[in-house]
Amino acid sequence: MIWFKDYTVEEINERSIYLAKLLGITYTEIGENYLKATMPVDERTKQPAGILHGGASVVLAESIGSIASNLIVDSQKFMGVGLEINANHLRPVTSGNVTAMCTPMHIGNKTHVWDIRLFNDQGKMTCVSRLTVAIVPKMENN
């Protein structure tokens, strides 16, 4: 298991605030080395053409990867912050949900690299993303 402690989905969802909460991102599963979350494709996440906004897909990817990094480190001493993200949008989504699956590519002392894949309700991949997270000492006012 890669996690700092044995987290529950409920504990992870309590951490899902700010933009992730506004977009309806919900964490659904945590395994030995992966994390899953869903996001609705609705008026909050669509572009004017009626399809999932690429930026919303990136918000989901960065949210799940950042949470994953912060679940690995000792939160009393360190925090993970996004350093770089990229995404390839593979197919449009017009309704339902997208599900993100986040797995580690590299877990180091100073950086984590995550592979994040988004799928539509039919199980077809809609986006692939890679997120690099910097692990930094926690500031006293955080």
N, C-alpha and C. Protein backbone atom coordinates (compact mmCIF):
# COMPACT_ATOMS: atom_id res chain seq x y z
N MET A 1 0.85 -1.18 0.00
CA MET A 1 0.00 0.00 0.00
C MET A 1 0.90 1.25 0.00
N ILE A 2 0.56 2.22 -0.84
CA ILE A 2 1.38 3.43 -0.96
C ILE A 2 0.94 4.56 -0.03
N TRP A 3 -0.22 4.43 0.58
CA TRP A 3 -0.80 5.53 1.36
C TRP A 3 -0.15 5.65 2.73
N PHE A 4 -0.12 6.89 3.26
CA PHE A 4 0.49 7.16 4.56
C PHE A 4 -0.25 6.42 5.68
N LYS A 5 -1.57 6.32 5.55
CA LYS A 5 -2.38 5.56 6.51
C LYS A 5 -3.55 4.94 5.76
N ASP A 6 -4.37 4.22 6.44
CA ASP A 6 -5.52 3.54 5.84
C ASP A 6 -6.70 4.50 5.76
N TYR A 7 -6.79 5.26 4.65
CA TYR A 7 -7.85 6.26 4.48
C TYR A 7 -9.14 5.60 3.99
N THR A 8 -10.27 6.22 4.33
CA THR A 8 -11.56 5.81 3.79
C THR A 8 -11.97 6.80 2.70
N VAL A 9 -12.89 6.39 1.85
CA VAL A 9 -13.42 7.28 0.82
C VAL A 9 -14.09 8.49 1.47
N GLU A 10 -14.74 8.28 2.59
CA GLU A 10 -15.40 9.38 3.29
C GLU A 10 -14.39 10.44 3.74
N GLU A 11 -13.25 10.00 4.27
CA GLU A 11 -12.20 10.94 4.68
C GLU A 11 -11.66 11.73 3.49
N ILE A 12 -11.50 11.05 2.37
CA ILE A 12 -10.98 11.71 1.17
C ILE A 12 -11.99 12.73 0.67
N ASN A 13 -13.27 12.39 0.66
CA ASN A 13 -14.29 13.34 0.20
C ASN A 13 -14.39 14.56 1.10
N GLU A 14 -14.05 14.42 2.39
CA GLU A 14 -14.03 15.58 3.28
C GLU A 14 -12.95 16.57 2.88
N ARG A 15 -11.89 16.08 2.23
CA ARG A 15 -10.81 16.95 1.75
C ARG A 15 -11.16 17.62 0.43
N SER A 16 -12.19 17.15 -0.25
CA SER A 16 -12.56 17.66 -1.56
C SER A 16 -13.38 18.93 -1.39
N ILE A 17 -12.68 20.05 -1.46
CA ILE A 17 -13.34 21.35 -1.26
C ILE A 17 -12.97 22.28 -2.41
N TYR A 18 -13.45 23.49 -2.34
CA TYR A 18 -13.15 24.53 -3.30
C TYR A 18 -13.63 24.14 -4.71
N LEU A 19 -12.76 24.25 -5.70
CA LEU A 19 -13.16 24.03 -7.09
C LEU A 19 -13.67 22.60 -7.32
N ALA A 20 -13.01 21.62 -6.75
CA ALA A 20 -13.45 20.23 -6.92
C ALA A 20 -14.88 20.03 -6.43
N LYS A 21 -15.20 20.62 -5.31
CA LYS A 21 -16.56 20.51 -4.77
C LYS A 21 -17.56 21.23 -5.67
N LEU A 22 -17.18 22.40 -6.18
CA LEU A 22 -18.07 23.16 -7.07
C LEU A 22 -18.42 22.37 -8.33
N LEU A 23 -17.46 21.58 -8.81
CA LEU A 23 -17.69 20.79 -10.04
C LEU A 23 -18.31 19.43 -9.76
N GLY A 24 -18.55 19.10 -8.50
CA GLY A 24 -19.21 17.84 -8.16
C GLY A 24 -18.30 16.63 -8.17
N ILE A 25 -17.01 16.84 -8.00
CA ILE A 25 -16.06 15.71 -7.98
C ILE A 25 -16.24 14.93 -6.68
N THR A 26 -16.40 13.61 -6.83
CA THR A 26 -16.59 12.72 -5.70
C THR A 26 -15.62 11.56 -5.80
N TYR A 27 -14.91 11.30 -4.71
CA TYR A 27 -13.99 10.17 -4.66
C TYR A 27 -14.79 8.92 -4.35
N THR A 28 -14.55 7.86 -5.13
CA THR A 28 -15.40 6.68 -5.05
C THR A 28 -14.68 5.41 -4.60
N GLU A 29 -13.36 5.36 -4.79
CA GLU A 29 -12.65 4.12 -4.46
C GLU A 29 -11.18 4.41 -4.22
N ILE A 30 -10.62 3.73 -3.21
CA ILE A 30 -9.18 3.79 -2.96
C ILE A 30 -8.69 2.35 -2.86
N GLY A 31 -7.65 2.04 -3.62
CA GLY A 31 -7.06 0.71 -3.60
C GLY A 31 -5.63 0.78 -3.09
N GLU A 32 -4.90 -0.32 -3.21
CA GLU A 32 -3.53 -0.34 -2.72
C GLU A 32 -2.63 0.69 -3.39
N ASN A 33 -2.86 0.95 -4.68
CA ASN A 33 -2.02 1.90 -5.40
C ASN A 33 -2.80 2.73 -6.42
N TYR A 34 -4.08 2.94 -6.16
CA TYR A 34 -4.87 3.76 -7.08
C TYR A 34 -5.96 4.49 -6.32
N LEU A 35 -6.48 5.53 -6.98
CA LEU A 35 -7.58 6.32 -6.46
C LEU A 35 -8.54 6.58 -7.62
N LYS A 36 -9.85 6.50 -7.36
CA LYS A 36 -10.86 6.77 -8.38
C LYS A 36 -11.79 7.88 -7.91
N ALA A 37 -12.25 8.68 -8.88
CA ALA A 37 -13.21 9.75 -8.60
C ALA A 37 -14.10 9.93 -9.82
N THR A 38 -15.29 10.50 -9.59
CA THR A 38 -16.19 10.81 -10.70
C THR A 38 -16.50 12.30 -10.71
N MET A 39 -16.92 12.76 -11.89
CA MET A 39 -17.37 14.14 -12.05
C MET A 39 -18.53 14.14 -13.03
N PRO A 40 -19.62 14.83 -12.72
CA PRO A 40 -20.75 14.88 -13.64
C PRO A 40 -20.43 15.73 -14.88
N VAL A 41 -21.02 15.34 -15.98
CA VAL A 41 -20.96 16.16 -17.20
C VAL A 41 -22.30 16.88 -17.26
N ASP A 42 -22.29 18.14 -16.80
CA ASP A 42 -23.52 18.92 -16.71
C ASP A 42 -23.22 20.39 -16.98
N GLU A 43 -24.12 21.27 -16.63
CA GLU A 43 -23.96 22.69 -16.94
C GLU A 43 -22.72 23.31 -16.28
N ARG A 44 -22.21 22.68 -15.23
CA ARG A 44 -20.99 23.19 -14.57
C ARG A 44 -19.73 22.83 -15.33
N THR A 45 -19.77 21.74 -16.09
CA THR A 45 -18.54 21.18 -16.67
C THR A 45 -18.54 21.15 -18.20
N LYS A 46 -19.62 21.61 -18.82
CA LYS A 46 -19.68 21.60 -20.29
C LYS A 46 -19.24 22.93 -20.87
N GLN A 47 -18.77 22.90 -22.10
CA GLN A 47 -18.48 24.11 -22.86
C GLN A 47 -19.73 24.48 -23.67
N PRO A 48 -19.77 25.65 -24.31
CA PRO A 48 -20.98 26.06 -25.05
C PRO A 48 -21.43 25.08 -26.14
N ALA A 49 -20.52 24.30 -26.67
CA ALA A 49 -20.89 23.32 -27.71
C ALA A 49 -21.63 22.11 -27.14
N GLY A 50 -21.77 22.05 -25.81
CA GLY A 50 -22.52 20.96 -25.20
C GLY A 50 -21.69 19.74 -24.85
N ILE A 51 -20.37 19.84 -24.94
CA ILE A 51 -19.51 18.71 -24.58
C ILE A 51 -18.65 19.09 -23.37
N LEU A 52 -18.11 18.07 -22.73
CA LEU A 52 -17.27 18.26 -21.56
C LEU A 52 -16.13 19.22 -21.89
N HIS A 53 -15.97 20.25 -21.09
CA HIS A 53 -14.91 21.23 -21.25
C HIS A 53 -13.57 20.58 -20.92
N GLY A 54 -12.58 20.78 -21.78
CA GLY A 54 -11.26 20.22 -21.52
C GLY A 54 -10.67 20.69 -20.21
N GLY A 55 -10.95 21.93 -19.84
CA GLY A 55 -10.46 22.46 -18.57
C GLY A 55 -11.06 21.73 -17.38
N ALA A 56 -12.32 21.30 -17.50
CA ALA A 56 -12.95 20.55 -16.42
C ALA A 56 -12.26 19.18 -16.27
N SER A 57 -11.90 18.56 -17.40
CA SER A 57 -11.17 17.29 -17.34
C SER A 57 -9.83 17.49 -16.63
N VAL A 58 -9.16 18.59 -16.90
CA VAL A 58 -7.88 18.88 -16.26
C VAL A 58 -8.07 19.15 -14.77
N VAL A 59 -9.15 19.83 -14.40
CA VAL A 59 -9.42 20.05 -12.98
C VAL A 59 -9.60 18.71 -12.27
N LEU A 60 -10.34 17.79 -12.89
CA LEU A 60 -10.52 16.46 -12.29
C LEU A 60 -9.17 15.76 -12.16
N ALA A 61 -8.35 15.80 -13.21
CA ALA A 61 -7.05 15.14 -13.17
C ALA A 61 -6.15 15.74 -12.09
N GLU A 62 -6.07 17.06 -12.04
CA GLU A 62 -5.20 17.68 -11.03
C GLU A 62 -5.74 17.47 -9.63
N SER A 63 -7.04 17.48 -9.47
CA SER A 63 -7.63 17.26 -8.14
C SER A 63 -7.31 15.87 -7.62
N ILE A 64 -7.52 14.85 -8.44
CA ILE A 64 -7.31 13.49 -7.96
C ILE A 64 -5.82 13.21 -7.74
N GLY A 65 -4.96 13.72 -8.62
CA GLY A 65 -3.53 13.52 -8.44
C GLY A 65 -2.98 14.25 -7.23
N SER A 66 -3.45 15.46 -7.01
CA SER A 66 -2.99 16.23 -5.85
C SER A 66 -3.44 15.58 -4.56
N ILE A 67 -4.69 15.14 -4.52
CA ILE A 67 -5.17 14.43 -3.33
C ILE A 67 -4.34 13.18 -3.11
N ALA A 68 -4.07 12.43 -4.17
CA ALA A 68 -3.29 11.19 -4.05
C ALA A 68 -1.92 11.48 -3.43
N SER A 69 -1.23 12.51 -3.93
CA SER A 69 0.08 12.85 -3.36
C SER A 69 -0.03 13.21 -1.89
N ASN A 70 -1.06 13.94 -1.54
CA ASN A 70 -1.22 14.35 -0.15
C ASN A 70 -1.64 13.20 0.76
N LEU A 71 -2.13 12.10 0.18
CA LEU A 71 -2.45 10.91 0.97
C LEU A 71 -1.23 10.03 1.20
N ILE A 72 -0.14 10.31 0.49
CA ILE A 72 1.08 9.52 0.62
C ILE A 72 2.01 10.11 1.68
N VAL A 73 2.03 11.43 1.78
CA VAL A 73 3.00 12.09 2.66
C VAL A 73 2.42 12.30 4.07
N ASP A 74 3.30 12.55 5.00
CA ASP A 74 2.90 12.91 6.37
C ASP A 74 2.37 14.34 6.31
N SER A 75 1.06 14.51 6.44
CA SER A 75 0.44 15.83 6.27
C SER A 75 0.81 16.81 7.39
N GLN A 76 1.41 16.35 8.45
CA GLN A 76 1.88 17.26 9.49
C GLN A 76 3.19 17.94 9.08
N LYS A 77 3.93 17.31 8.15
CA LYS A 77 5.25 17.82 7.77
C LYS A 77 5.32 18.31 6.32
N PHE A 78 4.54 17.70 5.43
CA PHE A 78 4.67 17.97 4.00
C PHE A 78 3.32 18.20 3.34
N MET A 79 3.38 18.81 2.15
CA MET A 79 2.18 18.92 1.31
C MET A 79 2.61 18.80 -0.15
N GLY A 80 1.70 18.30 -0.96
CA GLY A 80 1.94 18.18 -2.38
C GLY A 80 1.24 19.30 -3.11
N VAL A 81 1.95 19.93 -4.06
CA VAL A 81 1.38 21.00 -4.86
C VAL A 81 1.68 20.72 -6.33
N GLY A 82 0.70 20.99 -7.19
CA GLY A 82 0.86 20.73 -8.61
C GLY A 82 2.03 21.50 -9.19
N LEU A 83 2.85 20.81 -9.99
CA LEU A 83 4.02 21.42 -10.62
C LEU A 83 3.83 21.50 -12.14
N GLU A 84 3.25 20.45 -12.74
CA GLU A 84 3.03 20.43 -14.19
C GLU A 84 1.93 19.43 -14.48
N ILE A 85 1.09 19.77 -15.47
CA ILE A 85 0.05 18.85 -15.90
C ILE A 85 -0.10 18.96 -17.42
N ASN A 86 -0.39 17.83 -18.03
CA ASN A 86 -0.76 17.85 -19.45
C ASN A 86 -1.94 16.92 -19.63
N ALA A 87 -2.64 17.10 -20.73
CA ALA A 87 -3.82 16.26 -20.99
C ALA A 87 -4.03 16.14 -22.49
N ASN A 88 -4.40 14.94 -22.90
CA ASN A 88 -4.83 14.70 -24.27
C ASN A 88 -6.30 14.30 -24.21
N HIS A 89 -7.14 15.08 -24.88
CA HIS A 89 -8.57 14.82 -24.91
C HIS A 89 -8.85 13.93 -26.11
N LEU A 90 -9.38 12.74 -25.85
CA LEU A 90 -9.48 11.71 -26.88
C LEU A 90 -10.85 11.60 -27.54
N ARG A 91 -11.91 11.87 -26.78
CA ARG A 91 -13.26 11.81 -27.35
C ARG A 91 -14.18 12.68 -26.54
N PRO A 92 -15.22 13.23 -27.18
CA PRO A 92 -16.14 14.10 -26.45
C PRO A 92 -17.08 13.31 -25.55
N VAL A 93 -17.55 14.00 -24.51
CA VAL A 93 -18.56 13.44 -23.61
C VAL A 93 -19.66 14.49 -23.51
N THR A 94 -20.91 14.05 -23.70
CA THR A 94 -22.03 15.01 -23.69
C THR A 94 -22.93 14.87 -22.47
N SER A 95 -22.88 13.74 -21.77
CA SER A 95 -23.76 13.54 -20.62
C SER A 95 -23.19 12.46 -19.71
N GLY A 96 -23.84 12.27 -18.58
CA GLY A 96 -23.42 11.23 -17.64
C GLY A 96 -22.32 11.72 -16.72
N ASN A 97 -21.36 10.85 -16.52
CA ASN A 97 -20.22 11.14 -15.66
C ASN A 97 -18.93 10.76 -16.36
N VAL A 98 -17.83 11.32 -15.88
CA VAL A 98 -16.52 10.80 -16.24
C VAL A 98 -15.89 10.27 -14.96
N THR A 99 -15.17 9.18 -15.09
CA THR A 99 -14.50 8.55 -13.96
C THR A 99 -13.00 8.65 -14.19
N ALA A 100 -12.29 9.13 -13.18
CA ALA A 100 -10.84 9.23 -13.25
C ALA A 100 -10.21 8.09 -12.45
N MET A 101 -9.17 7.50 -13.05
CA MET A 101 -8.37 6.47 -12.39
C MET A 101 -6.95 7.00 -12.31
N CYS A 102 -6.43 7.14 -11.10
CA CYS A 102 -5.13 7.74 -10.84
C CYS A 102 -4.19 6.67 -10.28
N THR A 103 -3.05 6.47 -10.97
CA THR A 103 -2.04 5.51 -10.52
C THR A 103 -0.66 6.17 -10.58
N PRO A 104 0.24 5.74 -9.70
CA PRO A 104 1.56 6.38 -9.68
C PRO A 104 2.46 5.89 -10.81
N MET A 105 3.23 6.83 -11.35
CA MET A 105 4.31 6.49 -12.28
C MET A 105 5.65 6.59 -11.56
N HIS A 106 5.72 7.53 -10.60
CA HIS A 106 6.95 7.76 -9.83
C HIS A 106 6.56 8.35 -8.48
N ILE A 107 7.08 7.78 -7.42
CA ILE A 107 6.88 8.34 -6.08
C ILE A 107 8.26 8.55 -5.47
N GLY A 108 8.71 9.79 -5.51
CA GLY A 108 10.00 10.14 -4.93
C GLY A 108 9.83 10.97 -3.68
N ASN A 109 10.94 11.38 -3.08
CA ASN A 109 10.89 12.20 -1.88
C ASN A 109 10.46 13.63 -2.17
N LYS A 110 10.77 14.13 -3.39
CA LYS A 110 10.48 15.52 -3.72
C LYS A 110 9.45 15.69 -4.83
N THR A 111 9.21 14.64 -5.61
CA THR A 111 8.20 14.71 -6.66
C THR A 111 7.44 13.40 -6.77
N HIS A 112 6.19 13.53 -7.20
CA HIS A 112 5.35 12.38 -7.56
C HIS A 112 4.87 12.64 -8.98
N VAL A 113 4.79 11.59 -9.78
CA VAL A 113 4.24 11.69 -11.12
C VAL A 113 3.09 10.68 -11.22
N TRP A 114 1.92 11.19 -11.66
CA TRP A 114 0.70 10.39 -11.71
C TRP A 114 0.21 10.22 -13.13
N ASP A 115 -0.26 9.02 -13.44
CA ASP A 115 -0.96 8.72 -14.68
C ASP A 115 -2.45 8.75 -14.35
N ILE A 116 -3.18 9.61 -15.05
CA ILE A 116 -4.61 9.78 -14.76
C ILE A 116 -5.37 9.58 -16.06
N ARG A 117 -6.29 8.63 -16.04
CA ARG A 117 -7.10 8.33 -17.22
C ARG A 117 -8.56 8.54 -16.89
N LEU A 118 -9.26 9.23 -17.80
CA LEU A 118 -10.68 9.50 -17.63
C LEU A 118 -11.47 8.63 -18.59
N PHE A 119 -12.61 8.12 -18.10
CA PHE A 119 -13.46 7.23 -18.88
C PHE A 119 -14.91 7.72 -18.82
N ASN A 120 -15.65 7.51 -19.90
CA ASN A 120 -17.08 7.84 -19.90
C ASN A 120 -17.86 6.68 -19.28
N ASP A 121 -19.17 6.82 -19.22
CA ASP A 121 -20.01 5.79 -18.60
C ASP A 121 -19.97 4.46 -19.34
N GLN A 122 -19.56 4.47 -20.59
CA GLN A 122 -19.46 3.24 -21.38
C GLN A 122 -18.08 2.59 -21.25
N GLY A 123 -17.21 3.18 -20.42
CA GLY A 123 -15.88 2.62 -20.19
C GLY A 123 -14.86 3.00 -21.25
N LYS A 124 -15.20 3.93 -22.14
CA LYS A 124 -14.25 4.37 -23.16
C LYS A 124 -13.40 5.51 -22.63
N MET A 125 -12.10 5.44 -22.91
CA MET A 125 -11.19 6.49 -22.43
C MET A 125 -11.48 7.80 -23.16
N THR A 126 -11.62 8.87 -22.38
CA THR A 126 -11.92 10.18 -22.94
C THR A 126 -10.75 11.16 -22.83
N CYS A 127 -9.85 10.90 -21.90
CA CYS A 127 -8.73 11.81 -21.68
C CYS A 127 -7.63 11.04 -20.96
N VAL A 128 -6.40 11.35 -21.30
CA VAL A 128 -5.25 10.82 -20.56
C VAL A 128 -4.41 12.01 -20.13
N SER A 129 -3.98 11.98 -18.87
CA SER A 129 -3.27 13.12 -18.29
C SER A 129 -2.09 12.62 -17.47
N ARG A 130 -1.06 13.47 -17.37
CA ARG A 130 0.06 13.19 -16.49
C ARG A 130 0.26 14.42 -15.61
N LEU A 131 0.34 14.20 -14.32
CA LEU A 131 0.50 15.27 -13.35
C LEU A 131 1.78 15.05 -12.55
N THR A 132 2.59 16.10 -12.45
CA THR A 132 3.76 16.09 -11.58
C THR A 132 3.45 16.96 -10.37
N VAL A 133 3.67 16.41 -9.20
CA VAL A 133 3.40 17.10 -7.94
C VAL A 133 4.71 17.29 -7.19
N ALA A 134 4.96 18.51 -6.74
CA ALA A 134 6.13 18.80 -5.91
C ALA A 134 5.76 18.55 -4.45
N ILE A 135 6.64 17.90 -3.72
CA ILE A 135 6.45 17.65 -2.30
C ILE A 135 7.30 18.68 -1.55
N VAL A 136 6.62 19.54 -0.80
CA VAL A 136 7.30 20.65 -0.13
C VAL A 136 7.01 20.61 1.37
N PRO A 137 7.90 21.20 2.18
CA PRO A 137 7.64 21.27 3.62
C PRO A 137 6.38 22.09 3.86
N LYS A 138 5.59 21.65 4.80
CA LYS A 138 4.36 22.36 5.14
C LYS A 138 4.69 23.65 5.88
N MET A 139 4.04 24.73 5.43
CA MET A 139 4.23 26.02 6.10
C MET A 139 3.40 26.04 7.37
N GLU A 140 3.82 26.76 8.37
CA GLU A 140 3.16 26.77 9.66
C GLU A 140 1.73 27.28 9.63
N ASN A 141 1.39 28.18 8.67
CA ASN A 141 0.05 28.74 8.65
C ASN A 141 -0.92 27.89 7.82
N ASN A 142 -0.52 26.74 7.32
CA ASN A 142 -1.42 25.86 6.55
C ASN A 142 -2.05 24.82 7.42
